[in-house]
Protein backbone atom coordinates (compact mmCIF):
# COMPACT_ATOMS: atom_id res chain seq x y z
CA MET A 1 19.33 -65.66 8.73
CA THR A 2 22.00 -63.33 10.17
CA SER A 3 24.77 -64.69 12.36
CA PRO A 4 25.47 -63.33 15.94
CA GLU A 5 28.49 -61.45 14.55
CA GLU A 6 26.39 -59.76 11.86
CA ARG A 7 23.71 -58.85 14.33
CA GLN A 8 26.35 -57.47 16.74
CA GLN A 9 27.73 -55.30 13.88
CA LEU A 10 24.31 -54.19 12.87
CA TYR A 11 23.11 -53.29 16.30
CA CYS A 12 26.54 -52.76 17.94
CA LEU A 13 25.58 -55.26 20.66
CA SER A 14 27.85 -54.86 23.65
CA PRO A 15 29.31 -58.25 24.75
CA GLU A 16 29.63 -57.04 28.34
CA THR A 17 26.08 -55.66 28.87
CA ASN A 18 24.22 -57.37 26.00
CA GLN A 19 22.48 -53.98 25.40
CA ILE A 20 21.87 -52.44 22.07
CA TRP A 21 24.14 -49.45 21.46
CA PRO A 22 22.16 -47.04 19.29
CA THR A 23 24.66 -46.34 16.58
CA MET A 24 21.86 -46.08 14.13
CA PHE A 25 20.22 -43.45 16.36
CA SER A 26 23.42 -41.34 16.49
CA ILE A 27 23.58 -41.39 12.68
CA PHE A 28 19.97 -40.39 12.72
CA LEU A 29 20.77 -37.36 14.96
CA VAL A 30 23.60 -36.22 12.65
CA ASP A 31 21.22 -36.52 9.73
CA LEU A 32 18.67 -34.56 11.74
CA VAL A 33 21.14 -31.72 11.94
CA ALA A 34 22.08 -31.82 8.27
CA ASN A 35 18.39 -31.72 7.17
CA GLY A 36 17.16 -29.14 9.68
CA GLY A 37 14.83 -31.51 11.44
CA SER A 38 12.84 -30.66 14.57
CA GLU A 39 11.76 -32.31 17.79
CA SER A 40 8.81 -33.87 16.09
CA CYS A 41 11.27 -36.02 14.04
CA LEU A 42 11.94 -37.97 17.22
CA ARG A 43 8.54 -39.52 17.11
CA LEU A 44 8.63 -42.97 15.51
CA ARG A 45 4.93 -43.56 15.21
CA PRO A 46 3.32 -42.05 12.10
CA ARG A 47 0.77 -39.35 12.97
CA ALA A 48 -1.20 -36.55 11.36
CA ARG A 49 0.87 -33.55 10.44
CA GLU A 50 0.58 -30.60 12.76
CA ASN A 51 0.26 -27.11 11.41
CA SER A 52 3.54 -26.75 9.55
CA GLY A 53 3.42 -23.09 8.56
CA LYS A 54 3.19 -24.07 4.96
CA ARG A 55 2.24 -21.12 2.72
CA VAL A 56 -0.73 -21.55 0.41
CA THR A 57 -0.28 -19.13 -2.40
CA GLY A 58 -2.44 -17.97 -5.30
CA SER A 59 -4.02 -14.72 -6.40
CA HIS A 60 -7.37 -13.04 -6.71
CA LYS A 61 -7.78 -10.73 -9.77
CA LEU A 62 -9.86 -7.73 -9.16
CA ARG A 63 -10.98 -4.72 -11.24
CA VAL A 64 -12.04 -1.56 -9.42
CA GLY A 65 -13.24 1.69 -10.95
CA PRO A 66 -14.65 5.14 -9.94
CA TRP A 67 -17.21 6.93 -12.04
CA ASN A 68 -19.08 10.17 -11.61
CA ILE A 69 -22.39 9.22 -13.11
CA GLY A 70 -24.24 12.53 -12.85
CA SER A 71 -27.27 10.86 -11.36
CA LEU A 72 -28.20 7.28 -10.61
CA THR A 73 -31.83 7.71 -11.25
CA GLY A 74 -32.84 5.65 -14.26
CA LYS A 75 -29.28 4.52 -14.85
CA SER A 76 -28.67 1.75 -12.36
CA VAL A 77 -29.56 -1.14 -14.73
CA GLU A 78 -27.51 0.39 -17.56
CA LEU A 79 -24.65 1.00 -15.13
CA VAL A 80 -24.51 -2.62 -13.98
CA LYS A 81 -24.73 -3.82 -17.60
CA ILE A 82 -21.56 -1.74 -18.30
CA LEU A 83 -19.83 -3.05 -15.18
CA LYS A 84 -20.50 -6.63 -16.24
CA LYS A 85 -19.39 -6.01 -19.73
CA ARG A 86 -16.06 -4.49 -18.53
CA ARG A 87 -15.69 -7.19 -15.87
CA ILE A 88 -15.54 -4.62 -13.02
CA ASN A 89 -15.94 -6.16 -9.61
CA ILE A 90 -16.17 -3.04 -7.43
CA ALA A 91 -17.37 0.39 -8.59
CA CYS A 92 -17.16 3.67 -6.65
CA VAL A 93 -19.87 6.03 -7.95
CA GLN A 94 -20.26 9.74 -7.29
CA GLU A 95 -23.05 12.25 -7.71
CA THR A 96 -25.73 9.63 -7.36
CA LYS A 97 -28.28 12.17 -6.05
CA TRP A 98 -30.10 9.47 -4.16
CA VAL A 99 -31.37 10.25 -0.65
CA GLY A 100 -30.73 7.97 2.31
CA SER A 101 -28.20 5.49 3.72
CA LYS A 102 -29.48 2.27 2.31
CA ALA A 103 -28.56 -0.75 0.20
CA ARG A 104 -30.32 -2.59 -2.72
CA ASP A 105 -29.77 -5.26 -5.22
CA VAL A 106 -29.17 -4.31 -8.86
CA ASN A 107 -29.11 -7.22 -11.33
CA GLY A 108 -26.69 -9.32 -9.19
CA PHE A 109 -24.64 -6.41 -7.82
CA LYS A 110 -25.13 -5.00 -4.31
CA LEU A 111 -25.29 -1.21 -4.06
CA TRP A 112 -24.66 0.63 -0.88
CA TYR A 113 -25.23 4.39 -1.11
CA SER A 114 -25.24 7.57 1.01
CA GLY A 115 -26.90 10.84 0.10
CA GLY A 116 -28.82 13.84 1.53
CA SER A 117 -30.23 15.55 -1.53
CA ARG A 118 -31.89 14.76 -4.84
CA ASP A 119 -30.19 17.74 -6.43
CA ARG A 120 -26.46 17.22 -5.60
CA ASN A 121 -23.73 15.01 -4.22
CA GLY A 122 -24.33 11.39 -3.05
CA VAL A 123 -21.84 8.53 -3.22
CA GLY A 124 -22.13 4.76 -3.53
CA ILE A 125 -20.28 1.53 -3.93
CA LEU A 126 -21.40 -1.42 -6.05
CA VAL A 127 -19.98 -4.97 -5.53
CA ASP A 128 -20.49 -7.90 -7.81
CA GLY A 129 -22.26 -11.18 -6.91
CA ASP A 130 -19.00 -13.01 -6.28
CA LEU A 131 -17.68 -10.51 -3.72
CA ARG A 132 -20.84 -9.11 -2.03
CA GLU A 133 -20.81 -11.78 0.65
CA GLN A 134 -17.19 -10.86 1.45
CA VAL A 135 -18.24 -7.37 2.66
CA VAL A 136 -17.85 -7.18 6.39
CA GLU A 137 -18.36 -3.54 7.13
CA VAL A 138 -20.07 -0.51 5.60
CA ARG A 139 -19.48 3.10 6.84
CA ARG A 140 -21.36 6.11 5.51
CA ILE A 141 -19.58 9.28 6.60
CA SER A 142 -21.35 11.89 4.53
CA ASP A 143 -22.94 12.56 1.12
CA ARG A 144 -19.35 12.88 -0.17
CA LEU A 145 -17.63 9.96 1.47
CA MET A 146 -18.33 6.30 2.26
CA THR A 147 -16.31 3.11 2.72
CA ILE A 148 -16.72 -0.61 2.75
CA LYS A 149 -14.45 -3.36 4.02
CA LEU A 150 -14.00 -6.76 2.38
CA VAL A 151 -11.96 -9.84 3.07
CA ILE A 152 -10.43 -11.17 -0.15
CA GLY A 153 -7.94 -13.97 -0.41
CA GLY A 154 -7.06 -13.66 3.26
CA CYS A 155 -6.45 -9.92 2.91
CA THR A 156 -8.61 -7.09 4.32
CA LEU A 157 -9.41 -4.41 1.72
CA SER A 158 -11.01 -1.04 2.44
CA VAL A 159 -12.59 0.58 -0.51
CA ILE A 160 -13.44 4.35 -0.23
CA SER A 161 -15.78 6.23 -2.57
CA ALA A 162 -14.96 9.98 -2.52
CA TYR A 163 -16.53 13.06 -4.09
CA ALA A 164 -14.53 16.18 -3.39
CA PRO A 165 -16.03 19.63 -3.50
CA GLN A 166 -15.98 21.49 -6.74
CA VAL A 167 -13.46 24.32 -7.40
CA GLY A 168 -16.03 27.05 -6.89
CA LEU A 169 -17.11 26.00 -3.40
CA ASP A 170 -15.83 27.73 -0.31
CA GLU A 171 -12.54 26.62 1.39
CA GLU A 172 -14.40 25.54 4.55
CA THR A 173 -16.30 22.83 2.62
CA LYS A 174 -13.08 21.60 1.05
CA LYS A 175 -11.34 21.61 4.40
CA LEU A 176 -14.19 19.57 5.94
CA PHE A 177 -14.02 16.99 3.17
CA TYR A 178 -10.27 16.38 3.60
CA GLU A 179 -10.66 16.27 7.38
CA ASP A 180 -13.23 13.55 7.02
CA LEU A 181 -11.10 11.67 4.51
CA ASP A 182 -8.10 12.00 6.78
CA GLU A 183 -10.04 10.50 9.70
CA VAL A 184 -11.22 7.56 7.59
CA VAL A 185 -7.79 6.67 6.26
CA ARG A 186 -6.14 7.22 9.65
CA GLY A 187 -8.58 4.70 11.12
CA ILE A 188 -7.58 1.90 8.77
CA PRO A 189 -4.67 -0.25 10.16
CA ASN A 190 -1.50 -0.33 8.22
CA THR A 191 -1.89 -4.09 7.74
CA GLU A 192 -5.08 -3.55 5.65
CA LYS A 193 -5.02 -2.57 1.96
CA ILE A 194 -6.75 0.62 0.74
CA VAL A 195 -8.29 1.65 -2.58
CA ILE A 196 -9.70 5.15 -2.82
CA GLY A 197 -11.69 5.88 -6.01
CA GLY A 198 -13.39 9.12 -6.71
CA ASP A 199 -14.02 12.44 -8.37
CA PHE A 200 -11.53 14.81 -6.65
CA ASN A 201 -12.33 17.90 -8.80
CA SER A 202 -8.61 18.65 -8.92
CA HIS A 203 -5.78 18.62 -11.46
CA ILE A 204 -2.48 16.93 -10.39
CA GLY A 205 -0.81 17.91 -13.66
CA ALA A 206 1.21 16.16 -16.26
CA THR A 207 4.48 16.09 -14.27
CA SER A 208 5.39 14.89 -10.83
CA SER A 209 7.38 18.01 -9.86
CA GLY A 210 7.78 18.02 -6.11
CA PHE A 211 5.76 14.84 -5.56
CA ASP A 212 7.85 12.10 -7.20
CA ASP A 213 6.91 9.58 -4.47
CA VAL A 214 3.12 9.79 -5.03
CA HIS A 215 2.80 11.12 -8.64
CA GLY A 216 3.93 8.56 -11.24
CA GLY A 217 4.82 11.22 -13.80
CA PHE A 218 1.94 10.71 -16.23
CA GLY A 219 -1.07 13.09 -16.31
CA VAL A 220 -2.95 15.68 -18.19
CA GLY A 221 -2.79 19.54 -18.03
CA GLU A 222 -1.48 21.82 -15.35
CA ARG A 223 -1.65 21.36 -11.61
CA ASN A 224 -4.02 23.53 -9.58
CA GLY A 225 -4.55 24.15 -5.90
CA GLY A 226 -6.93 21.23 -5.56
CA GLY A 227 -4.32 18.99 -7.19
CA THR A 228 -1.68 20.16 -4.71
CA SER A 229 -4.08 19.35 -1.79
CA LEU A 230 -4.68 15.83 -3.17
CA LEU A 231 -0.93 15.26 -3.52
CA ASP A 232 -0.28 16.58 -0.04
CA PHE A 233 -2.91 14.20 1.27
CA ALA A 234 -1.40 11.24 -0.62
CA LYS A 235 2.07 12.15 0.65
CA ALA A 236 0.91 12.37 4.23
CA PHE A 237 -0.62 8.85 4.19
CA GLU A 238 2.04 7.40 1.91
CA LEU A 239 -0.39 6.73 -0.97
CA VAL A 240 0.24 6.73 -4.63
CA ILE A 241 -2.07 7.92 -7.46
CA ALA A 242 -2.43 4.84 -9.60
CA ASN A 243 -3.59 6.41 -12.84
CA SER A 244 -0.47 8.65 -12.88
CA CYS A 245 1.81 5.58 -12.97
CA PHE A 246 1.08 4.24 -16.41
CA SER A 247 2.05 5.87 -19.79
CA LYS A 248 -1.12 5.91 -21.85
CA LYS A 249 -2.54 7.72 -24.85
CA GLU A 250 -4.34 10.93 -23.91
CA ASN A 251 -7.78 9.28 -24.55
CA HIS A 252 -6.94 6.65 -21.86
CA MET A 253 -5.90 9.39 -19.30
CA VAL A 254 -8.64 12.02 -19.74
CA THR A 255 -11.41 11.39 -17.20
CA PHE A 256 -13.57 14.42 -17.96
CA ARG A 257 -14.44 15.47 -21.50
CA SER A 258 -16.86 18.18 -22.55
CA SER A 259 -17.30 20.52 -25.51
CA VAL A 260 -15.06 23.10 -23.77
CA ALA A 261 -12.55 21.01 -21.77
CA LYS A 262 -10.79 17.71 -21.49
CA THR A 263 -8.89 17.02 -18.34
CA GLN A 264 -8.16 14.53 -15.52
CA ILE A 265 -10.03 14.98 -12.21
CA ASP A 266 -10.94 11.38 -11.24
CA TYR A 267 -8.36 9.28 -9.50
CA LEU A 268 -7.55 5.95 -7.87
CA LEU A 269 -5.17 5.81 -4.89
CA LEU A 270 -3.63 3.04 -2.91
CA ARG A 271 -0.71 2.51 -0.52
CA LYS A 272 2.84 2.86 -1.95
CA GLY A 273 3.72 -0.42 -0.42
CA ASP A 274 1.01 -2.09 -2.52
CA ARG A 275 2.34 -0.86 -5.90
CA GLY A 276 2.95 -4.51 -6.85
CA LEU A 277 -0.73 -5.17 -6.65
CA TYR A 278 -1.91 -3.07 -9.61
CA LYS A 279 -1.19 -4.29 -13.04
CA ASP A 280 -2.88 -1.55 -15.17
CA CYS A 281 -4.93 1.56 -14.80
CA LYS A 282 -6.66 3.40 -17.66
CA VAL A 283 -9.78 5.23 -18.86
CA ILE A 284 -12.28 3.40 -21.04
CA PRO A 285 -13.43 6.30 -23.24
CA SER A 286 -16.05 4.40 -25.21
CA GLU A 287 -18.46 3.80 -22.31
CA ASN A 288 -21.12 6.45 -21.87
CA LEU A 289 -23.79 7.16 -19.28
CA THR A 290 -24.72 10.64 -20.47
CA THR A 291 -22.11 12.12 -18.27
CA PRO A 292 -18.96 14.10 -19.15
CA HIS A 293 -16.97 11.80 -16.79
CA LYS A 294 -15.29 8.71 -18.27
CA LEU A 295 -14.99 5.31 -16.61
CA LEU A 296 -11.59 4.75 -14.94
CA VAL A 297 -10.56 1.22 -14.16
CA MET A 298 -7.65 -0.38 -12.28
CA ASP A 299 -6.64 -4.05 -12.46
CA LEU A 300 -5.43 -5.54 -9.15
CA GLU A 301 -3.97 -8.91 -8.33
CA ILE A 302 -4.23 -9.60 -4.61
CA LYS A 303 -1.97 -12.36 -3.51
CA ARG A 304 -3.43 -15.10 -1.27
CA ASP A 305 -0.76 -15.61 1.43
CA ARG A 306 -2.29 -17.67 4.17
CA ARG A 307 0.25 -19.02 6.58
CA LYS A 308 -1.12 -21.50 9.13
CA LYS A 309 -0.30 -20.62 12.62
CA LEU A 310 2.63 -22.59 14.05
CA VAL A 311 2.20 -24.60 17.20
CA SER A 312 4.61 -22.57 19.25
CA ASP A 313 2.89 -21.98 22.52
CA ARG A 314 5.31 -24.26 24.49
CA PRO A 315 9.11 -24.26 24.79
CA ARG A 316 10.94 -26.23 22.12
CA ILE A 317 14.47 -27.68 21.95
CA LYS A 318 16.54 -25.94 19.27
CA TRP A 319 17.74 -29.09 17.44
CA GLY A 320 19.51 -26.92 14.93
CA GLY A 321 22.39 -26.57 17.34
CA LEU A 322 23.16 -30.20 17.39
CA THR A 323 26.62 -31.10 16.06
CA PRO A 324 28.17 -34.52 15.27
CA ALA A 325 30.31 -34.20 18.48
CA LEU A 326 27.24 -33.48 20.55
CA SER A 327 25.33 -36.39 19.02
CA ARG A 328 28.23 -38.76 19.95
CA GLU A 329 28.19 -37.28 23.52
CA MET A 330 24.49 -37.72 23.59
CA GLY A 331 24.78 -41.37 22.55
CA GLU A 332 27.16 -42.06 25.46
CA LYS A 333 24.98 -40.21 27.93
CA LEU A 334 21.90 -42.08 26.83
CA MET A 335 23.70 -45.34 27.50
CA GLU A 336 24.48 -44.14 31.11
CA MET A 337 20.78 -43.11 31.56
CA GLY A 338 19.63 -46.53 30.46
CA ALA A 339 17.65 -45.08 27.57
CA TRP A 340 17.83 -48.34 25.59
CA SER A 341 17.43 -50.83 28.41
CA GLY A 342 14.15 -52.22 29.72
CA SER A 343 11.39 -54.42 28.54
CA GLY A 344 7.84 -54.04 27.35
CA ASP A 345 6.03 -53.23 24.22
CA ALA A 346 7.51 -50.91 21.58
CA ASP A 347 5.53 -47.83 22.74
CA THR A 348 6.70 -48.20 26.30
CA MET A 349 10.38 -48.59 25.34
CA TRP A 350 10.15 -45.72 22.92
CA ASN A 351 8.47 -43.34 25.35
CA LYS A 352 11.28 -44.08 27.86
CA ALA A 353 14.01 -43.51 25.24
CA ALA A 354 12.36 -40.31 23.91
CA SER A 355 12.08 -38.91 27.44
CA CYS A 356 15.82 -39.48 28.12
CA ILE A 357 16.65 -37.87 24.72
CA ARG A 358 14.65 -34.75 25.56
CA GLU A 359 15.91 -34.55 29.08
CA PHE A 360 19.60 -34.67 28.02
CA ALA A 361 19.07 -32.48 24.92
CA SER A 362 17.47 -29.73 26.98
CA THR A 363 20.66 -29.50 29.07
CA VAL A 364 23.11 -29.22 26.11
CA LEU A 365 21.02 -27.40 23.52
CA GLU A 366 19.13 -24.11 23.78
CA VAL A 367 15.44 -24.14 24.47
CA SER A 368 13.02 -21.63 22.98
CA ARG A 369 10.89 -19.55 25.34
CA GLY A 370 7.68 -20.44 23.52
CA ASN A 371 4.81 -18.17 22.68
CA PHE A 372 3.15 -16.75 25.72
CA GLY A 373 0.86 -14.23 23.93
CA GLY A 374 1.46 -10.68 22.94
CA HIS A 375 1.22 -9.15 19.53
CA LYS A 376 3.95 -10.21 17.19
CA GLY A 377 5.12 -7.23 15.16
CA ASP A 378 4.07 -4.61 17.69
CA TRP A 379 7.45 -4.52 19.45
CA TRP A 380 8.35 -1.29 17.72
CA TRP A 381 5.20 0.65 18.76
CA ASN A 382 6.52 2.25 21.92
CA GLY A 383 5.88 5.59 23.54
CA GLU A 384 8.59 7.37 21.53
CA VAL A 385 7.32 6.08 18.21
CA GLN A 386 3.78 6.94 19.12
CA GLY A 387 4.74 10.50 20.04
CA LYS A 388 6.63 11.01 16.78
CA VAL A 389 3.69 9.71 14.69
CA GLU A 390 1.33 12.03 16.50
CA GLU A 391 3.65 14.98 15.86
CA LYS A 392 3.64 14.07 12.14
CA LYS A 393 -0.18 13.97 12.06
CA ALA A 394 -0.40 17.34 13.90
CA ALA A 395 2.03 18.88 11.43
CA TYR A 396 0.04 17.54 8.47
CA ALA A 397 -3.24 18.94 9.93
CA LYS A 398 -1.71 22.38 10.18
CA LEU A 399 -0.40 22.15 6.62
CA VAL A 400 -3.83 21.19 5.24
CA GLU A 401 -5.58 24.05 7.11
CA CYS A 402 -3.09 26.73 5.98
CA VAL A 403 -4.13 28.96 3.09
CA ASP A 404 -1.20 31.44 3.12
CA LYS A 405 1.39 30.34 0.45
CA GLU A 406 4.49 31.50 2.41
CA GLU A 407 3.37 30.00 5.65
CA LYS A 408 2.43 26.80 3.81
CA GLN A 409 6.00 26.38 2.62
CA THR A 410 7.22 26.70 6.22
CA LEU A 411 4.61 24.19 7.41
CA LYS A 412 5.50 21.80 4.63
CA LYS A 413 9.17 21.77 5.74
CA ALA A 414 8.07 21.18 9.31
CA TYR A 415 5.85 18.30 8.17
CA ASN A 416 8.65 16.74 6.22
CA THR A 417 11.00 17.02 9.25
CA THR A 418 8.41 15.31 11.57
CA LYS A 419 7.76 12.63 8.95
CA GLY A 420 11.46 11.86 8.80
CA GLU A 421 11.76 11.73 12.56
CA ALA A 422 8.80 9.28 12.76
CA LYS A 423 10.46 6.99 10.18
CA ILE A 424 13.75 7.01 12.13
CA ALA A 425 11.92 6.32 15.41
CA ILE A 426 10.05 3.28 13.82
CA ARG A 427 13.26 1.95 12.31
CA GLU A 428 15.20 2.25 15.53
CA GLY A 429 12.35 1.22 17.74
């Protein structure tokens, strides 16, 4: 049994007032500072943890691929068999030649398609059995363009199946296709991820000349006008052509092979900021669906990054500003306030002490304003930024519509200028 002297030393019992001087509490406050504690540390009674903002991490591996199949009639079962064999989760198919805007099950895959003629065009997207329930939106724009939206690992992913007009078609048809594609991509929030897979009937060339930020430097053949249009589009929306970013043997880059030609006209695009997502991109030349087009696949790894929302809707004391000197001052003040006097059960005494602690701490430490709504992260989107972004979009629209080479060079410079001004406005906003 401890002696009165030992008890006095342990609790710092004041001989004059016979009150407990909370030395241990002062030490606790100093320790609180050193360990970055928070207001919740002042609660003595154990309780369930509130949302702590702890990050739950992991990844979801995904394989996506575009394929011009020539016609889907009589091939759907064989197509799905290949997709399963190659572990492809999402396939963007072109030239389906199926009429209608419908959906159907194909051996465990869900197929959404859009087409207007049994003789030409038509696009579709197939999703495997594990992901089909994650599809939250389907949009059919035309017989050359459609998109679906999925939620995977806490991320929203928009997948676009695109079939660009062939080289021999008129400029108006090509212009309409890119206008539709522009509108689709512009309507996808920057917070969402994008994968565009399709037959673009264009050659981006073997080198990245003039387009280092969107062309990875690996390709096949010479660039043509359609390739320049695709690269301009990618540059305008800050996308990168994934299958130009990996050094491969020619067989694993050629997406179209016939008796008279072998070239690259099928592509996969995604945001430049998501370059870390794709791990590989290649052609699988051995798979055949009686079409000159070859199956192109890209391996993605989408990080699960779910952060629980912090309970921050009320003002909080910034305990990080507590110093040893302030903790000593607080101890003295709490004595004056009678924080440790009184009688009753433990809960009553603690509630009184905790109230005194918060009352005094709020006068000597800063208090957060709390979260009263609003959109975190939207602070930069002001009128000036919005105006600069619209100017950039207008400049790009003029660039795409222009067919004169000399005028196009002038418009390209104007577009680059407006793009730079928009970036500066966002950075300084």
